[in-house]
PDB file of N, CA and C in Angstrom:
ATOM      1  N   MET A   1      14.192   9.242 -20.366  1.00  0.00           N
ATOM      2  CA  MET A   1      12.904   9.528 -19.761  1.00  0.00           C
ATOM      3  C   MET A   1      13.064   9.901 -18.284  1.00  0.00           C
ATOM      4  N   LEU A   2      13.943   9.187 -17.599  1.00  0.00           N
ATOM      5  CA  LEU A   2      14.153   9.500 -16.181  1.00  0.00           C
ATOM      6  C   LEU A   2      14.742  10.892 -16.016  1.00  0.00           C
ATOM      7  N   ALA A   3      15.700  11.231 -16.880  1.00  0.00           N
ATOM      8  CA  ALA A   3      16.359  12.528 -16.773  1.00  0.00           C
ATOM      9  C   ALA A   3      15.352  13.664 -16.932  1.00  0.00           C
ATOM     10  N   ARG A   4      14.352  13.488 -17.795  1.00  0.00           N
ATOM     11  CA  ARG A   4      13.341  14.527 -17.986  1.00  0.00           C
ATOM     12  C   ARG A   4      12.462  14.700 -16.756  1.00  0.00           C
ATOM     13  N   ARG A   5      12.248  13.632 -16.011  1.00  0.00           N
ATOM     14  CA  ARG A   5      11.383  13.691 -14.826  1.00  0.00           C
ATOM     15  C   ARG A   5      12.148  14.090 -13.569  1.00  0.00           C
ATOM     16  N   LYS A   6      13.456  14.024 -13.632  1.00  0.00           N
ATOM     17  CA  LYS A   6      14.303  14.270 -12.464  1.00  0.00           C
ATOM     18  C   LYS A   6      14.327  15.758 -12.137  1.00  0.00           C
ATOM     19  N   GLY A   7      14.019  16.075 -10.894  1.00  0.00           N
ATOM     20  CA  GLY A   7      14.062  17.459 -10.428  1.00  0.00           C
ATOM     21  C   GLY A   7      15.398  17.774  -9.776  1.00  0.00           C
ATOM     22  N   LYS A   8      15.614  19.031  -9.503  1.00  0.00           N
ATOM     23  CA  LYS A   8      16.860  19.453  -8.860  1.00  0.00           C
ATOM     24  C   LYS A   8      16.980  18.783  -7.484  1.00  0.00           C
ATOM     25  N   GLY A   9      18.124  18.189  -7.233  1.00  0.00           N
ATOM     26  CA  GLY A   9      18.361  17.522  -5.960  1.00  0.00           C
ATOM     27  C   GLY A   9      17.785  16.115  -5.873  1.00  0.00           C
ATOM     28  N   GLN A  10      17.163  15.641  -6.929  1.00  0.00           N
ATOM     29  CA  GLN A  10      16.581  14.295  -6.933  1.00  0.00           C
ATOM     30  C   GLN A  10      17.553  13.316  -7.563  1.00  0.00           C
ATOM     31  N   SER A  11      17.575  12.107  -7.026  1.00  0.00           N
ATOM     32  CA  SER A  11      18.359  11.041  -7.641  1.00  0.00           C
ATOM     33  C   SER A  11      17.460  10.268  -8.606  1.00  0.00           C
ATOM     34  N   PHE A  12      18.075   9.473  -9.457  1.00  0.00           N
ATOM     35  CA  PHE A  12      17.281   8.636 -10.356  1.00  0.00           C
ATOM     36  C   PHE A  12      16.446   7.643  -9.537  1.00  0.00           C
ATOM     37  N   SER A  13      16.999   7.175  -8.426  1.00  0.00           N
ATOM     38  CA  SER A  13      16.238   6.274  -7.555  1.00  0.00           C
ATOM     39  C   SER A  13      14.984   6.951  -7.029  1.00  0.00           C
ATOM     40  N   ASP A  14      15.094   8.236  -6.671  1.00  0.00           N
ATOM     41  CA  ASP A  14      13.919   8.977  -6.193  1.00  0.00           C
ATOM     42  C   ASP A  14      12.834   9.022  -7.265  1.00  0.00           C
ATOM     43  N   VAL A  15      13.248   9.272  -8.504  1.00  0.00           N
ATOM     44  CA  VAL A  15      12.289   9.362  -9.612  1.00  0.00           C
ATOM     45  C   VAL A  15      11.598   8.012  -9.805  1.00  0.00           C
ATOM     46  N   ILE A  16      12.357   6.946  -9.775  1.00  0.00           N
ATOM     47  CA  ILE A  16      11.794   5.596  -9.940  1.00  0.00           C
ATOM     48  C   ILE A  16      10.811   5.292  -8.816  1.00  0.00           C
ATOM     49  N   LYS A  17      11.190   5.604  -7.577  1.00  0.00           N
ATOM     50  CA  LYS A  17      10.311   5.346  -6.435  1.00  0.00           C
ATOM     51  C   LYS A  17       9.022   6.152  -6.525  1.00  0.00           C
ATOM     52  N   GLU A  18       9.121   7.398  -7.002  1.00  0.00           N
ATOM     53  CA  GLU A  18       7.919   8.206  -7.184  1.00  0.00           C
ATOM     54  C   GLU A  18       6.976   7.572  -8.203  1.00  0.00           C
ATOM     55  N   HIS A  19       7.554   7.061  -9.269  1.00  0.00           N
ATOM     56  CA  HIS A  19       6.737   6.484 -10.342  1.00  0.00           C
ATOM     57  C   HIS A  19       6.087   5.165  -9.935  1.00  0.00           C
ATOM     58  N   PHE A  20       6.876   4.283  -9.312  1.00  0.00           N
ATOM     59  CA  PHE A  20       6.394   2.939  -9.002  1.00  0.00           C
ATOM     60  C   PHE A  20       5.866   2.790  -7.583  1.00  0.00           C
ATOM     61  N   GLY A  21       6.119   3.732  -6.715  1.00  0.00           N
ATOM     62  CA  GLY A  21       5.674   3.649  -5.334  1.00  0.00           C
ATOM     63  C   GLY A  21       6.581   2.760  -4.508  1.00  0.00           C
ATOM     64  N   PRO A  22       6.232   2.564  -3.253  1.00  0.00           N
ATOM     65  CA  PRO A  22       7.084   1.756  -2.375  1.00  0.00           C
ATOM     66  C   PRO A  22       7.059   0.278  -2.803  1.00  0.00           C
ATOM     67  N   PRO A  23       8.141  -0.441  -2.503  1.00  0.00           N
ATOM     68  CA  PRO A  23       8.171  -1.859  -2.870  1.00  0.00           C
ATOM     69  C   PRO A  23       7.158  -2.669  -2.063  1.00  0.00           C
ATOM     70  N   LEU A  24       6.677  -3.741  -2.659  1.00  0.00           N
ATOM     71  CA  LEU A  24       5.725  -4.622  -1.982  1.00  0.00           C
ATOM     72  C   LEU A  24       6.468  -5.567  -1.047  1.00  0.00           C
ATOM     73  N   THR A  25       5.822  -5.902   0.054  1.00  0.00           N
ATOM     74  CA  THR A  25       6.345  -6.986   0.883  1.00  0.00           C
ATOM     75  C   THR A  25       5.947  -8.310   0.222  1.00  0.00           C
ATOM     76  N   VAL A  26       6.550  -9.385   0.670  1.00  0.00           N
ATOM     77  CA  VAL A  26       6.197 -10.711   0.145  1.00  0.00           C
ATOM     78  C   VAL A  26       4.715 -10.972   0.386  1.00  0.00           C
ATOM     79  N   GLY A  27       4.225 -10.612   1.570  1.00  0.00           N
ATOM     80  CA  GLY A  27       2.813 -10.830   1.897  1.00  0.00           C
ATOM     81  C   GLY A  27       1.873 -10.050   0.986  1.00  0.00           C
ATOM     82  N   GLU A  28       2.226  -8.788   0.700  1.00  0.00           N
ATOM     83  CA  GLU A  28       1.393  -7.971  -0.193  1.00  0.00           C
ATOM     84  C   GLU A  28       1.391  -8.551  -1.611  1.00  0.00           C
ATOM     85  N   PHE A  29       2.563  -8.977  -2.058  1.00  0.00           N
ATOM     86  CA  PHE A  29       2.659  -9.569  -3.388  1.00  0.00           C
ATOM     87  C   PHE A  29       1.793 -10.826  -3.478  1.00  0.00           C
ATOM     88  N   LYS A  30       1.918 -11.701  -2.469  1.00  0.00           N
ATOM     89  CA  LYS A  30       1.137 -12.931  -2.472  1.00  0.00           C
ATOM     90  C   LYS A  30      -0.361 -12.638  -2.447  1.00  0.00           C
ATOM     91  N   SER A  31      -0.774 -11.649  -1.671  1.00  0.00           N
ATOM     92  CA  SER A  31      -2.181 -11.287  -1.603  1.00  0.00           C
ATOM     93  C   SER A  31      -2.701 -10.812  -2.961  1.00  0.00           C
ATOM     94  N   ARG A  32      -1.927  -9.989  -3.636  1.00  0.00           N
ATOM     95  CA  ARG A  32      -2.338  -9.515  -4.957  1.00  0.00           C
ATOM     96  C   ARG A  32      -2.421 -10.670  -5.959  1.00  0.00           C
ATOM     97  N   MET A  33      -1.447 -11.557  -5.894  1.00  0.00           N
ATOM     98  CA  MET A  33      -1.439 -12.676  -6.828  1.00  0.00           C
ATOM     99  C   MET A  33      -2.585 -13.639  -6.535  1.00  0.00           C
ATOM    100  N   ARG A  34      -2.941 -13.827  -5.256  1.00  0.00           N
ATOM    101  CA  ARG A  34      -4.069 -14.699  -4.911  1.00  0.00           C
ATOM    102  C   ARG A  34      -5.373 -14.135  -5.485  1.00  0.00           C
ATOM    103  N   ARG A  35      -5.536 -12.812  -5.396  1.00  0.00           N
ATOM    104  CA  ARG A  35      -6.747 -12.194  -5.961  1.00  0.00           C
ATOM    105  C   ARG A  35      -6.807 -12.439  -7.465  1.00  0.00           C
ATOM    106  N   ARG A  36      -5.669 -12.358  -8.124  1.00  0.00           N
ATOM    107  CA  ARG A  36      -5.634 -12.625  -9.564  1.00  0.00           C
ATOM    108  C   ARG A  36      -5.926 -14.097  -9.837  1.00  0.00           C
ATOM    109  N   LEU A  37      -5.424 -14.996  -8.982  1.00  0.00           N
ATOM    110  CA  LEU A  37      -5.673 -16.424  -9.138  1.00  0.00           C
ATOM    111  C   LEU A  37      -7.164 -16.716  -9.021  1.00  0.00           C
ATOM    112  N   GLU A  38      -7.823 -16.081  -8.054  1.00  0.00           N
ATOM    113  CA  GLU A  38      -9.262 -16.267  -7.879  1.00  0.00           C
ATOM    114  C   GLU A  38     -10.030 -15.816  -9.115  1.00  0.00           C
ATOM    115  N   ALA A  39      -9.469 -14.855  -9.825  1.00  0.00           N
ATOM    116  CA  ALA A  39     -10.102 -14.376 -11.057  1.00  0.00           C
ATOM    117  C   ALA A  39      -9.654 -15.204 -12.265  1.00  0.00           C
ATOM    118  N   GLY A  40      -8.842 -16.242 -11.998  1.00  0.00           N
ATOM    119  CA  GLY A  40      -8.391 -17.119 -13.073  1.00  0.00           C
ATOM    120  C   GLY A  40      -7.233 -16.575 -13.891  1.00  0.00           C
ATOM    121  N   ARG A  41      -6.442 -15.677 -13.305  1.00  0.00           N
ATOM    122  CA  ARG A  41      -5.389 -15.026 -14.082  1.00  0.00           C
ATOM    123  C   ARG A  41      -4.018 -15.042 -13.420  1.00  0.00           C
ATOM    124  N   ALA A  42      -3.739 -15.947 -12.510  1.00  0.00           N
ATOM    125  CA  ALA A  42      -2.457 -15.817 -11.813  1.00  0.00           C
ATOM    126  C   ALA A  42      -1.798 -17.156 -11.510  1.00  0.00           C
ATOM    127  N   MET A  43      -0.835 -17.097 -10.602  1.00  0.00           N
ATOM    128  CA  MET A  43       0.001 -18.240 -10.237  1.00  0.00           C
ATOM    129  C   MET A  43      -0.588 -19.021  -9.067  1.00  0.00           C
ATOM    130  N   SER A  44      -0.123 -20.242  -8.920  1.00  0.00           N
ATOM    131  CA  SER A  44      -0.567 -21.094  -7.816  1.00  0.00           C
ATOM    132  C   SER A  44       0.111 -20.660  -6.514  1.00  0.00           C
ATOM    133  N   ASP A  45      -0.436 -21.135  -5.375  1.00  0.00           N
ATOM    134  CA  ASP A  45       0.183 -20.853  -4.080  1.00  0.00           C
ATOM    135  C   ASP A  45       1.598 -21.411  -4.016  1.00  0.00           C
ATOM    136  N   GLU A  46       1.827 -22.568  -4.625  1.00  0.00           N
ATOM    137  CA  GLU A  46       3.161 -23.158  -4.610  1.00  0.00           C
ATOM    138  C   GLU A  46       4.173 -22.249  -5.318  1.00  0.00           C
ATOM    139  N   THR A  47       3.772 -21.687  -6.447  1.00  0.00           N
ATOM    140  CA  THR A  47       4.658 -20.773  -7.167  1.00  0.00           C
ATOM    141  C   THR A  47       4.903 -19.520  -6.338  1.00  0.00           C
ATOM    142  N   LEU A  48       3.852 -18.986  -5.732  1.00  0.00           N
ATOM    143  CA  LEU A  48       4.004 -17.790  -4.896  1.00  0.00           C
ATOM    144  C   LEU A  48       4.915 -18.065  -3.706  1.00  0.00           C
ATOM    145  N   ASP A  49       4.786 -19.238  -3.086  1.00  0.00           N
ATOM    146  CA  ASP A  49       5.665 -19.598  -1.966  1.00  0.00           C
ATOM    147  C   ASP A  49       7.113 -19.690  -2.418  1.00  0.00           C
ATOM    148  N   ALA A  50       7.341 -20.242  -3.605  1.00  0.00           N
ATOM    149  CA  ALA A  50       8.702 -20.343  -4.136  1.00  0.00           C
ATOM    150  C   ALA A  50       9.295 -18.959  -4.388  1.00  0.00           C
ATOM    151  N   ILE A  51       8.497 -18.063  -4.948  1.00  0.00           N
ATOM    152  CA  ILE A  51       8.963 -16.691  -5.183  1.00  0.00           C
ATOM    153  C   ILE A  51       9.285 -16.033  -3.844  1.00  0.00           C
ATOM    154  N   GLY A  52       8.423 -16.205  -2.866  1.00  0.00           N
ATOM    155  CA  GLY A  52       8.667 -15.639  -1.531  1.00  0.00           C
ATOM    156  C   GLY A  52       9.954 -16.158  -0.933  1.00  0.00           C
ATOM    157  N   GLY A  53      10.236 -17.440  -1.120  1.00  0.00           N
ATOM    158  CA  GLY A  53      11.476 -18.013  -0.611  1.00  0.00           C
ATOM    159  C   GLY A  53      12.707 -17.388  -1.249  1.00  0.00           C
ATOM    160  N   VAL A  54      12.638 -17.161  -2.541  1.00  0.00           N
ATOM    161  CA  VAL A  54      13.767 -16.528  -3.236  1.00  0.00           C
ATOM    162  C   VAL A  54      13.975 -15.103  -2.719  1.00  0.00           C
ATOM    163  N   ILE A  55      12.887 -14.375  -2.562  1.00  0.00           N
ATOM    164  CA  ILE A  55      12.986 -12.988  -2.076  1.00  0.00           C
ATOM    165  C   ILE A  55      13.578 -12.957  -0.671  1.00  0.00           C
ATOM    166  N   ARG A  56      13.087 -13.838   0.203  1.00  0.00           N
ATOM    167  CA  ARG A  56      13.609 -13.869   1.571  1.00  0.00           C
ATOM    168  C   ARG A  56      15.078 -14.273   1.595  1.00  0.00           C
ATOM    169  N   SER A  57      15.487 -15.176   0.711  1.00  0.00           N
ATOM    170  CA  SER A  57      16.885 -15.609   0.706  1.00  0.00           C
ATOM    171  C   SER A  57      17.827 -14.496   0.280  1.00  0.00           C
ATOM    172  N   ARG A  58      17.312 -13.539  -0.481  1.00  0.00           N
ATOM    173  CA  ARG A  58      18.160 -12.420  -0.905  1.00  0.00           C
ATOM    174  C   ARG A  58      18.576 -11.560   0.269  1.00  0.00           C
ATOM    175  N   ALA A  59      17.796 -11.549   1.330  1.00  0.00           N
ATOM    176  CA  ALA A  59      18.149 -10.765   2.514  1.00  0.00           C
ATOM    177  C   ALA A  59      19.415 -11.307   3.150  1.00  0.00           C
ATOM    178  N   ASP A  60      19.652 -12.608   2.996  1.00  0.00           N
ATOM    179  CA  ASP A  60      20.846 -13.230   3.558  1.00  0.00           C
ATOM    180  C   ASP A  60      22.060 -13.080   2.651  1.00  0.00           C
ATOM    181  N   ASP A  61      21.852 -12.650   1.412  1.00  0.00           N
ATOM    182  CA  ASP A  61      22.936 -12.537   0.451  1.00  0.00           C
ATOM    183  C   ASP A  61      22.815 -11.211  -0.309  1.00  0.00           C
ATOM    184  N   PRO A  62      23.067 -10.093   0.406  1.00  0.00           N
ATOM    185  CA  PRO A  62      22.864  -8.800  -0.232  1.00  0.00           C
ATOM    186  C   PRO A  62      23.835  -8.573  -1.394  1.00  0.00           C
ATOM    187  N   VAL A  63      23.395  -7.781  -2.329  1.00  0.00           N
ATOM    188  CA  VAL A  63      24.230  -7.427  -3.475  1.00  0.00           C
ATOM    189  C   VAL A  63      25.373  -6.564  -2.972  1.00  0.00           C
ATOM    190  N   ARG A  64      26.535  -6.858  -3.453  1.00  0.00           N
ATOM    191  CA  ARG A  64      27.696  -6.045  -3.083  1.00  0.00           C
ATOM    192  C   ARG A  64      28.169  -5.304  -4.310  1.00  0.00           C
ATOM    193  N   TYR A  65      28.371  -4.029  -4.147  1.00  0.00           N
ATOM    194  CA  TYR A  65      28.846  -3.204  -5.250  1.00  0.00           C
ATOM    195  C   TYR A  65      30.360  -3.112  -5.166  1.00  0.00           C
ATOM    196  N   PRO A  66      31.030  -3.140  -6.309  1.00  0.00           N
ATOM    197  CA  PRO A  66      32.492  -3.027  -6.275  1.00  0.00           C
ATOM    198  C   PRO A  66      32.928  -1.673  -5.727  1.00  0.00           C
ATOM    199  N   THR A  67      33.972  -1.702  -4.957  1.00  0.00           N
ATOM    200  CA  THR A  67      34.526  -0.455  -4.438  1.00  0.00           C
ATOM    201  C   THR A  67      35.622   0.026  -5.377  1.00  0.00           C
ATOM    202  N   ARG A  68      35.802   1.302  -5.399  1.00  0.00           N
ATOM    203  CA  ARG A  68      36.825   1.870  -6.291  1.00  0.00           C
ATOM    204  C   ARG A  68      38.104   2.121  -5.571  1.00  0.00           C
TER     205      ARG A  68
END
């Protein structure tokens, strides 16, 4: 499916970013989840804080790709 949407000079990452848009910040994610919680359909603040902590901790431990 990605290959069909990929244009000349585009990477697969470009296609994915076009489809899904820019990534959310932790604050944006929490805000969206709070709105869902108010509607009775989402996670608690404690769960959102835990998710935020995991996301922030990833900045200190970036993924390393093997070199050839």
